[in-house]
C-alpha atoms as a PDB file:
ATOM      1  CA  VAL A   1      53.569 -37.883 -46.132  1.00  0.00           C
ATOM      2  CA  GLY A   2      52.940 -40.805 -48.458  1.00  0.00           C
ATOM      3  CA  LYS A   3      53.217 -44.473 -47.580  1.00  0.00           C
ATOM      4  CA  VAL A   4      56.642 -44.954 -49.200  1.00  0.00           C
ATOM      5  CA  THR A   5      58.073 -41.925 -47.414  1.00  0.00           C
ATOM      6  CA  GLU A   6      56.388 -43.007 -44.176  1.00  0.00           C
ATOM      7  CA  LYS A   7      58.068 -46.412 -44.427  1.00  0.00           C
ATOM      8  CA  ALA A   8      61.449 -44.800 -45.116  1.00  0.00           C
ATOM      9  CA  LEU A   9      61.109 -42.451 -42.138  1.00  0.00           C
ATOM     10  CA  LYS A  10      60.058 -45.220 -39.784  1.00  0.00           C
ATOM     11  CA  SER A  11      62.993 -47.366 -40.921  1.00  0.00           C
ATOM     12  CA  LYS A  12      65.240 -44.562 -39.649  1.00  0.00           C
ATOM     13  CA  GLY A  13      63.384 -44.337 -36.338  1.00  0.00           C
ATOM     14  CA  ILE A  14      61.580 -41.111 -37.280  1.00  0.00           C
ATOM     15  CA  ASN A  15      57.999 -41.271 -36.048  1.00  0.00           C
ATOM     16  CA  THR A  16      57.224 -37.728 -34.895  1.00  0.00           C
ATOM     17  CA  ILE A  17      57.689 -34.134 -36.069  1.00  0.00           C
ATOM     18  CA  GLY A  18      60.151 -33.607 -33.216  1.00  0.00           C
ATOM     19  CA  GLN A  19      62.302 -36.527 -34.369  1.00  0.00           C
ATOM     20  CA  LEU A  20      62.148 -35.211 -37.924  1.00  0.00           C
ATOM     21  CA  ARG A  21      63.468 -31.819 -36.805  1.00  0.00           C
ATOM     22  CA  LYS A  22      66.426 -33.453 -35.005  1.00  0.00           C
ATOM     23  CA  ALA A  23      67.317 -36.005 -37.677  1.00  0.00           C
ATOM     24  CA  PRO A  24      70.743 -35.734 -39.399  1.00  0.00           C
ATOM     25  CA  ALA A  25      70.655 -33.818 -42.663  1.00  0.00           C
ATOM     26  CA  ASP A  26      72.179 -36.669 -44.680  1.00  0.00           C
ATOM     27  CA  ILE A  27      69.399 -39.055 -43.611  1.00  0.00           C
ATOM     28  CA  LEU A  28      66.707 -36.544 -44.538  1.00  0.00           C
ATOM     29  CA  GLN A  29      68.442 -35.847 -47.855  1.00  0.00           C
ATOM     30  CA  SER A  30      68.361 -39.554 -48.686  1.00  0.00           C
ATOM     31  CA  ILE A  31      64.599 -39.608 -48.076  1.00  0.00           C
ATOM     32  CA  PHE A  32      63.358 -36.232 -49.345  1.00  0.00           C
ATOM     33  CA  GLY A  33      66.033 -35.278 -51.876  1.00  0.00           C
ATOM     34  CA  ASP A  34      65.551 -31.717 -53.152  1.00  0.00           C
ATOM     35  CA  GLN A  35      62.490 -31.319 -50.921  1.00  0.00           C
ATOM     36  CA  THR A  36      64.591 -31.585 -47.726  1.00  0.00           C
ATOM     37  CA  PRO A  37      64.810 -27.810 -47.015  1.00  0.00           C
ATOM     38  CA  HIS A  38      61.063 -27.428 -47.599  1.00  0.00           C
ATOM     39  CA  MET A  39      60.205 -30.343 -45.301  1.00  0.00           C
ATOM     40  CA  LEU A  40      62.477 -28.987 -42.573  1.00  0.00           C
ATOM     41  CA  ARG A  41      60.807 -25.574 -42.777  1.00  0.00           C
ATOM     42  CA  LEU A  42      57.394 -27.202 -42.416  1.00  0.00           C
ATOM     43  CA  ALA A  43      58.636 -29.281 -39.481  1.00  0.00           C
ATOM     44  CA  GLN A  44      59.800 -26.063 -37.822  1.00  0.00           C
ATOM     45  CA  GLY A  45      56.376 -24.540 -38.366  1.00  0.00           C
ATOM     46  CA  VAL A  46      57.510 -22.228 -41.176  1.00  0.00           C
ATOM     47  CA  ASP A  47      55.125 -22.038 -44.127  1.00  0.00           C
ATOM     48  CA  ASN A  48      55.440 -19.231 -46.655  1.00  0.00           C
ATOM     49  CA  ARG A  49      52.119 -19.876 -48.337  1.00  0.00           C
ATOM     50  CA  GLU A  50      49.758 -16.901 -48.339  1.00  0.00           C
ATOM     51  CA  VAL A  51      47.746 -16.594 -45.149  1.00  0.00           C
ATOM     52  CA  GLU A  52      44.005 -16.356 -45.729  1.00  0.00           C
ATOM     53  CA  SER A  53      41.685 -14.628 -43.306  1.00  0.00           C
ATOM     54  CA  SER A  54      39.773 -16.918 -40.946  1.00  0.00           C
ATOM     55  CA  LYS A  55      36.243 -17.791 -41.864  1.00  0.00           C
ATOM     56  CA  GLU A  56      33.508 -16.540 -39.585  1.00  0.00           C
ATOM     57  CA  ALA A  57      31.627 -19.728 -38.793  1.00  0.00           C
ATOM     58  CA  LYS A  58      32.172 -21.020 -35.267  1.00  0.00           C
ATOM     59  CA  SER A  59      29.958 -24.088 -35.598  1.00  0.00           C
ATOM     60  CA  ILE A  60      27.830 -26.014 -38.074  1.00  0.00           C
ATOM     61  CA  SER A  61      24.734 -27.846 -36.920  1.00  0.00           C
ATOM     62  CA  SER A  62      21.537 -29.580 -37.969  1.00  0.00           C
ATOM     63  CA  GLU A  63      18.484 -30.296 -35.835  1.00  0.00           C
ATOM     64  CA  GLN A  64      14.945 -31.575 -36.244  1.00  0.00           C
ATOM     65  CA  THR A  65      11.823 -30.939 -34.181  1.00  0.00           C
ATOM     66  CA  PHE A  66       9.387 -33.844 -34.381  1.00  0.00           C
ATOM     67  CA  ALA A  67       5.634 -33.467 -34.923  1.00  0.00           C
ATOM     68  CA  THR A  68       5.123 -36.212 -32.331  1.00  0.00           C
ATOM     69  CA  ASP A  69       7.437 -37.324 -29.540  1.00  0.00           C
ATOM     70  CA  ILE A  70       9.806 -40.113 -30.607  1.00  0.00           C
ATOM     71  CA  THR A  71      10.997 -43.008 -28.452  1.00  0.00           C
ATOM     72  CA  ASP A  72      12.067 -45.504 -31.138  1.00  0.00           C
ATOM     73  CA  LYS A  73      15.863 -45.831 -31.032  1.00  0.00           C
ATOM     74  CA  ASN A  74      16.219 -46.823 -34.694  1.00  0.00           C
ATOM     75  CA  ILE A  75      14.171 -43.870 -35.912  1.00  0.00           C
ATOM     76  CA  LEU A  76      16.277 -41.507 -33.826  1.00  0.00           C
ATOM     77  CA  LEU A  77      19.519 -43.080 -35.069  1.00  0.00           C
ATOM     78  CA  ASN A  78      18.403 -42.652 -38.691  1.00  0.00           C
ATOM     79  CA  VAL A  79      17.627 -38.997 -38.038  1.00  0.00           C
ATOM     80  CA  LEU A  80      21.008 -38.545 -36.369  1.00  0.00           C
ATOM     81  CA  LEU A  81      22.846 -40.229 -39.247  1.00  0.00           C
ATOM     82  CA  ASN A  82      21.180 -37.870 -41.734  1.00  0.00           C
ATOM     83  CA  GLN A  83      22.213 -34.905 -39.587  1.00  0.00           C
ATOM     84  CA  VAL A  84      25.808 -36.117 -39.332  1.00  0.00           C
ATOM     85  CA  GLU A  85      25.975 -36.576 -43.115  1.00  0.00           C
ATOM     86  CA  ASP A  86      24.595 -33.076 -43.642  1.00  0.00           C
ATOM     87  CA  VAL A  87      27.007 -31.433 -41.205  1.00  0.00           C
ATOM     88  CA  ALA A  88      29.993 -33.432 -42.497  1.00  0.00           C
ATOM     89  CA  GLN A  89      29.294 -32.398 -46.088  1.00  0.00           C
ATOM     90  CA  ARG A  90      28.941 -28.748 -45.072  1.00  0.00           C
ATOM     91  CA  LEU A  91      32.252 -28.944 -43.210  1.00  0.00           C
ATOM     92  CA  ARG A  92      33.990 -30.257 -46.314  1.00  0.00           C
ATOM     93  CA  THR A  93      32.249 -27.799 -48.636  1.00  0.00           C
ATOM     94  CA  ASN A  94      33.477 -24.911 -46.478  1.00  0.00           C
ATOM     95  CA  ASP A  95      36.950 -26.434 -46.049  1.00  0.00           C
ATOM     96  CA  PHE A  96      36.564 -26.958 -42.299  1.00  0.00           C
ATOM     97  CA  LYS A  97      37.439 -29.681 -39.839  1.00  0.00           C
ATOM     98  CA  ALA A  98      35.804 -29.917 -36.411  1.00  0.00           C
ATOM     99  CA  ARG A  99      37.406 -30.607 -33.064  1.00  0.00           C
ATOM    100  CA  THR A 100      34.200 -31.092 -31.044  1.00  0.00           C
ATOM    101  CA  ILE A 101      30.788 -32.618 -31.720  1.00  0.00           C
ATOM    102  CA  THR A 102      27.631 -32.079 -29.681  1.00  0.00           C
ATOM    103  CA  LEU A 103      24.275 -33.842 -29.539  1.00  0.00           C
ATOM    104  CA  LYS A 104      21.264 -31.772 -28.494  1.00  0.00           C
ATOM    105  CA  LEU A 105      18.330 -33.704 -27.025  1.00  0.00           C
ATOM    106  CA  ARG A 106      15.022 -32.101 -26.019  1.00  0.00           C
ATOM    107  CA  TYR A 107      12.525 -34.212 -24.092  1.00  0.00           C
ATOM    108  CA  ASP A 108       8.746 -34.174 -24.395  1.00  0.00           C
ATOM    109  CA  ASP A 109       8.610 -31.943 -21.293  1.00  0.00           C
ATOM    110  CA  PHE A 110      10.974 -29.491 -23.086  1.00  0.00           C
ATOM    111  CA  ARG A 111      13.977 -30.217 -20.886  1.00  0.00           C
ATOM    112  CA  THR A 112      17.078 -29.910 -23.060  1.00  0.00           C
ATOM    113  CA  VAL A 113      20.395 -31.676 -22.520  1.00  0.00           C
ATOM    114  CA  THR A 114      23.594 -31.748 -24.556  1.00  0.00           C
ATOM    115  CA  ARG A 115      26.306 -34.364 -24.812  1.00  0.00           C
ATOM    116  CA  SER A 116      29.705 -33.555 -26.337  1.00  0.00           C
ATOM    117  CA  ASN A 117      33.046 -35.094 -27.170  1.00  0.00           C
ATOM    118  CA  THR A 118      36.317 -33.580 -28.357  1.00  0.00           C
ATOM    119  CA  PHE A 119      38.631 -35.383 -30.780  1.00  0.00           C
ATOM    120  CA  ASP A 120      42.398 -35.530 -30.405  1.00  0.00           C
ATOM    121  CA  HIS A 121      42.645 -34.270 -33.980  1.00  0.00           C
ATOM    122  CA  PRO A 122      40.049 -32.268 -35.957  1.00  0.00           C
ATOM    123  CA  THR A 123      38.170 -34.182 -38.636  1.00  0.00           C
ATOM    124  CA  ASN A 124      35.531 -33.810 -41.330  1.00  0.00           C
ATOM    125  CA  THR A 125      35.159 -37.449 -42.380  1.00  0.00           C
ATOM    126  CA  THR A 126      31.607 -38.731 -42.110  1.00  0.00           C
ATOM    127  CA  LYS A 127      32.668 -42.122 -40.725  1.00  0.00           C
ATOM    128  CA  THR A 128      34.613 -40.633 -37.805  1.00  0.00           C
ATOM    129  CA  LEU A 129      31.894 -38.111 -36.964  1.00  0.00           C
ATOM    130  CA  TRP A 130      29.170 -40.765 -37.168  1.00  0.00           C
ATOM    131  CA  GLN A 131      30.990 -43.343 -35.060  1.00  0.00           C
ATOM    132  CA  GLU A 132      31.415 -40.854 -32.236  1.00  0.00           C
ATOM    133  CA  ALA A 133      27.899 -39.399 -32.562  1.00  0.00           C
ATOM    134  CA  GLU A 134      26.393 -42.894 -32.473  1.00  0.00           C
ATOM    135  CA  ALA A 135      28.452 -43.814 -29.401  1.00  0.00           C
ATOM    136  CA  ILE A 136      27.323 -40.662 -27.575  1.00  0.00           C
ATOM    137  CA  PHE A 137      23.687 -41.322 -28.476  1.00  0.00           C
ATOM    138  CA  LEU A 138      23.753 -44.976 -27.405  1.00  0.00           C
ATOM    139  CA  LYS A 139      25.381 -44.067 -24.095  1.00  0.00           C
ATOM    140  CA  TRP A 140      22.625 -41.498 -23.491  1.00  0.00           C
ATOM    141  CA  HIS A 141      19.865 -43.885 -24.619  1.00  0.00           C
ATOM    142  CA  LYS A 142      21.064 -46.610 -22.266  1.00  0.00           C
ATOM    143  CA  LYS A 143      20.466 -44.315 -19.293  1.00  0.00           C
ATOM    144  CA  SER A 144      17.327 -42.546 -20.502  1.00  0.00           C
ATOM    145  CA  SER A 145      13.885 -43.728 -21.564  1.00  0.00           C
ATOM    146  CA  GLY A 146      12.349 -40.331 -22.237  1.00  0.00           C
ATOM    147  CA  ALA A 147      10.658 -39.454 -25.517  1.00  0.00           C
ATOM    148  CA  LEU A 148      12.366 -36.827 -27.643  1.00  0.00           C
ATOM    149  CA  ARG A 149      10.743 -33.756 -29.144  1.00  0.00           C
ATOM    150  CA  LEU A 150      13.963 -32.563 -30.819  1.00  0.00           C
ATOM    151  CA  LEU A 151      17.295 -34.070 -31.844  1.00  0.00           C
ATOM    152  CA  GLY A 152      20.268 -32.122 -33.110  1.00  0.00           C
ATOM    153  CA  PHE A 153      23.904 -32.630 -34.079  1.00  0.00           C
ATOM    154  CA  GLY A 154      26.557 -29.935 -34.221  1.00  0.00           C
ATOM    155  CA  ALA A 155      30.261 -29.573 -34.960  1.00  0.00           C
ATOM    156  CA  SER A 156      32.367 -26.850 -33.355  1.00  0.00           C
ATOM    157  CA  GLY A 157      35.974 -25.968 -32.641  1.00  0.00           C
ATOM    158  CA  LEU A 158      36.287 -25.422 -36.375  1.00  0.00           C
ATOM    159  CA  GLN A 159      39.636 -25.123 -38.091  1.00  0.00           C
ATOM    160  CA  GLU A 160      40.371 -24.522 -41.744  1.00  0.00           C
ATOM    161  CA  ALA A 161      41.215 -27.922 -43.182  1.00  0.00           C
ATOM    162  CA  GLY A 162      44.749 -26.923 -44.162  1.00  0.00           C
ATOM    163  CA  SER A 163      45.697 -25.165 -40.930  1.00  0.00           C
ATOM    164  CA  GLY A 164      46.845 -26.104 -37.446  1.00  0.00           C
ATOM    165  CA  GLN A 165      49.020 -28.917 -36.174  1.00  0.00           C
ATOM    166  CA  HIS A 166      48.976 -32.184 -38.064  1.00  0.00           C
ATOM    167  CA  GLN A 167      50.023 -35.733 -37.399  1.00  0.00           C
ATOM    168  CA  LEU A 168      53.140 -36.774 -39.243  1.00  0.00           C
ATOM    169  CA  PHE A 169      51.427 -39.924 -40.520  1.00  0.00           C
ATOM    170  CA  SER A 170      47.881 -40.278 -41.744  1.00  0.00           C
ATOM    171  CA  GLU A 171      45.242 -41.899 -39.562  1.00  0.00           C
ATOM    172  CA  PRO A 172      44.405 -45.492 -40.550  1.00  0.00           C
ATOM    173  CA  ASP A 173      41.771 -45.658 -43.303  1.00  0.00           C
ATOM    174  CA  HIS A 174      41.811 -41.861 -43.688  1.00  0.00           C
ATOM    175  CA  ASP A 175      42.556 -41.777 -47.421  1.00  0.00           C
ATOM    176  CA  LYS A 176      39.864 -44.363 -48.161  1.00  0.00           C
ATOM    177  CA  GLN A 177      37.256 -42.434 -46.184  1.00  0.00           C
ATOM    178  CA  LYS A 178      38.272 -39.167 -47.830  1.00  0.00           C
ATOM    179  CA  ARG A 179      37.746 -40.667 -51.298  1.00  0.00           C
ATOM    180  CA  LEU A 180      34.401 -42.136 -50.227  1.00  0.00           C
ATOM    181  CA  ASP A 181      33.231 -38.792 -48.832  1.00  0.00           C
ATOM    182  CA  GLU A 182      34.288 -36.992 -52.006  1.00  0.00           C
ATOM    183  CA  ALA A 183      32.306 -39.477 -54.108  1.00  0.00           C
ATOM    184  CA  PHE A 184      29.203 -39.024 -51.929  1.00  0.00           C
ATOM    185  CA  ASP A 185      29.558 -35.239 -52.110  1.00  0.00           C
ATOM    186  CA  ARG A 186      29.795 -35.248 -55.916  1.00  0.00           C
ATOM    187  CA  ILE A 187      26.681 -37.413 -56.270  1.00  0.00           C
ATOM    188  CA  ARG A 188      24.674 -35.202 -53.915  1.00  0.00           C
ATOM    189  CA  GLU A 189      25.814 -32.021 -55.614  1.00  0.00           C
ATOM    190  CA  LYS A 190      24.599 -33.427 -58.927  1.00  0.00           C
ATOM    191  CA  PHE A 191      21.413 -35.247 -57.902  1.00  0.00           C
ATOM    192  CA  GLY A 192      20.407 -33.688 -54.568  1.00  0.00           C
ATOM    193  CA  HIS A 193      21.122 -34.377 -50.909  1.00  0.00           C
ATOM    194  CA  ASP A 194      18.656 -37.270 -50.671  1.00  0.00           C
ATOM    195  CA  ALA A 195      20.078 -39.067 -53.718  1.00  0.00           C
ATOM    196  CA  LEU A 196      22.379 -41.221 -51.606  1.00  0.00           C
ATOM    197  CA  ARG A 197      22.382 -42.273 -47.956  1.00  0.00           C
ATOM    198  CA  ARG A 198      24.773 -44.342 -45.897  1.00  0.00           C
ATOM    199  CA  GLY A 199      23.517 -47.322 -43.927  1.00  0.00           C
ATOM    200  CA  LYS A 200      24.122 -47.461 -40.195  1.00  0.00           C
END
């Protein structure tokens, strides 16, 4: 819902889908007007829009094998940021959000470890994916001094962006990040993937 509607709902003590379902009809009518029946159907999980078949992809990932083993943290973080940007754009292009992200780290002796985290809500915003990927990497780096032969980033637990359970209110900063991602995507589609990069 929009900010004005959000404010109106909160003023009536409605903060969750469950509270919306139980709210008196006259209160909902004063907020939603003619859209009240539609909003109640959505709150009950009823959506008459055409159901599209699920897409086949189970994960989207990007990885890089280095010509020489890398120990420099900043170099590795730059590589990881590029991978996150690539995966995030592919998620949005294919209309996916991801529930889980995974870092793949292969040492110079070819031992391979993975580190994962699962979000409370699926996302495809670059900022959210990067913040969590960076945190996972820094936690690993703090405990490990080994050189890396390969670094990879993947997103899994994919859901179509318009499906599944949703929060009643938007996450803070979500709309701003969505617009920023869309602007980055348009520039890259026109001028190439390397035309624009985010700073760490």
